[in-house]
Amino acid sequence: MDVTGYHSKHKIVQQNNIEPSSIKPVLLISKAEIERVISAQIPEILFDSKEDGLSVKAAKGGTLSLEAEGNIVEHQLPIRIEVTKQLPLAEGKADCKIRMRFKTKYEILPNWKIQTETEFIGHEWDEKPFMKVGFLEFPIEKILLNKLYEQKDLICNTIDQQIMDGTDLSQMIPTLLSGIPNPIDAPGGAKIWWSVSPVQTYISSFSSENDNLKISLGLESKLALSAGKKPKIQKLKVKAPEMTEKISPFSNLYLPLQIGFDAVQKIANEQLAGMDIPVGKAKLKFSDVSVKSKAGRLIVQADFSGGFSGKATIKGIPVYDNQQKEIIFEQVELDLKGDNLKSKGMALVAENIIEQQLSKFLKLPLKIWVKNLNEWVKYQEVQPGIILKAHFSDYDFKNVEIGEESLDFQLNLEGMVTANIQKIPNPVSPDDLA
């Protein structure tokens, strides 16, 4: 199947250079919702038998209930039975209700199909059968059970066929991904696009937890982010799942992130716009900031005004400060050019003072971005009935580089993700994600 991805000329997002991320959401799927969906797939009439004057019609009598452990699901199906018997002098009728217990073993095949094998394991009467003939009643439990046991293989095969025909796991990942906006609105008004390489999937065994069916899902993929510049979109594939006994609850994301110079420029304008740098009795202000790169250095150009006016060129090398969790700029160089004789003279005097101030204030507040990310993912209804809850407890940044059109680095995140599925959504086509 296909999901949205992209290709970029920048080396930082070339898929071969990206370490695979592992996202391991714990899925808590409402048992009531699963019961509703499976019940809807089971036909209303399970069988209708007529033989030797005895008519037995078995119909679905309500919603099934289930419990799961490992790759075994046990469920009870209520069945309403109507019996009619033609007698020499009258017609006998019976109406009863029974709960039949089944055990279904499932396997997910490489083509994303579910293969099931259901067997009958017992029964329990809700309403025992008595045949009424006029004012008389006769117990027919034994006769009816013999008839049901004759039909048990047909009922089991019907359940298997309906589950296999009605369950489309191939769209599960695209359906979940379709709830994540692309691009994502980042702090400061920036847009962040995301992409994924072919996704390897792992699924753990089911277990029951309170009113939910719990399953761990493992996704391995090479991820990449692009801020400020929309990349080219292409379709990518999700591989068929592998079954495994246990999956670690910790997700590890390795995200190459591109911040386009237009986004950096926006951040720089916001930072410098609020700065008043004292130079003697005057206060220097910056405006109209532009950003580019040259020879491995970031170059920021801006107009300045205040006690004197002119243009400033700031050069620096971005470095990640592990203690402060920020990208700061080292080897900052400042070149001030005054518009008039007075401004030129003051620029020479003020250059060292301003350069020191800029070294303190020029930075990318990455820890604030992660804080905002945690705020966003702590509770998100990505689709009606699907609640995403996540928290990234640890993070760092690596490989800070200056590209031709962007500031490139890798963001590493570790945390836990839970998806509470209260309503099973309609399948989403991969084309809808492009």
Foldseek 3Di string as FASTA:
>chain_A
DWAKFFDDPDPLQDFVPFDKWKAKAKEWEFQVQVQVLLQVLFAQWLDWDDDPQKTKTKGFDDTKGWFFDFQKIKIKTKIWIWIWGDDPVFIKIKIFIKIWIKMKGWDQDQVRFIAIFIATDDMDTPGFIWIDTPPDTHGCRVVVVVVVVVCRVSNRVSSRVSCRVVDRRQQVVVVVVLLDDAFDQFPLRKTKGKRWAAKAKEKAGWGDDVRTIIIMMMIITGMEMEIRDDGGMDIHHYGGYDYDHDDDQKIKHKYKYWHFQVNVQSVVQVQQQPAFQDQPPKTKGWHDWGWFDDPFWIWIKTWIDIPFTFIKIKIFHWDQDFVQQKTFTPPIAMDTDTPDPVRRVSCVVCRVSVSVVCRVRDIGNVVVRLVVVQVDQQWDCSDVQKIKHKHWPDKHKADFTDDRGTTIIIIMTMIGMYIYHHHDDDRDDSVVND
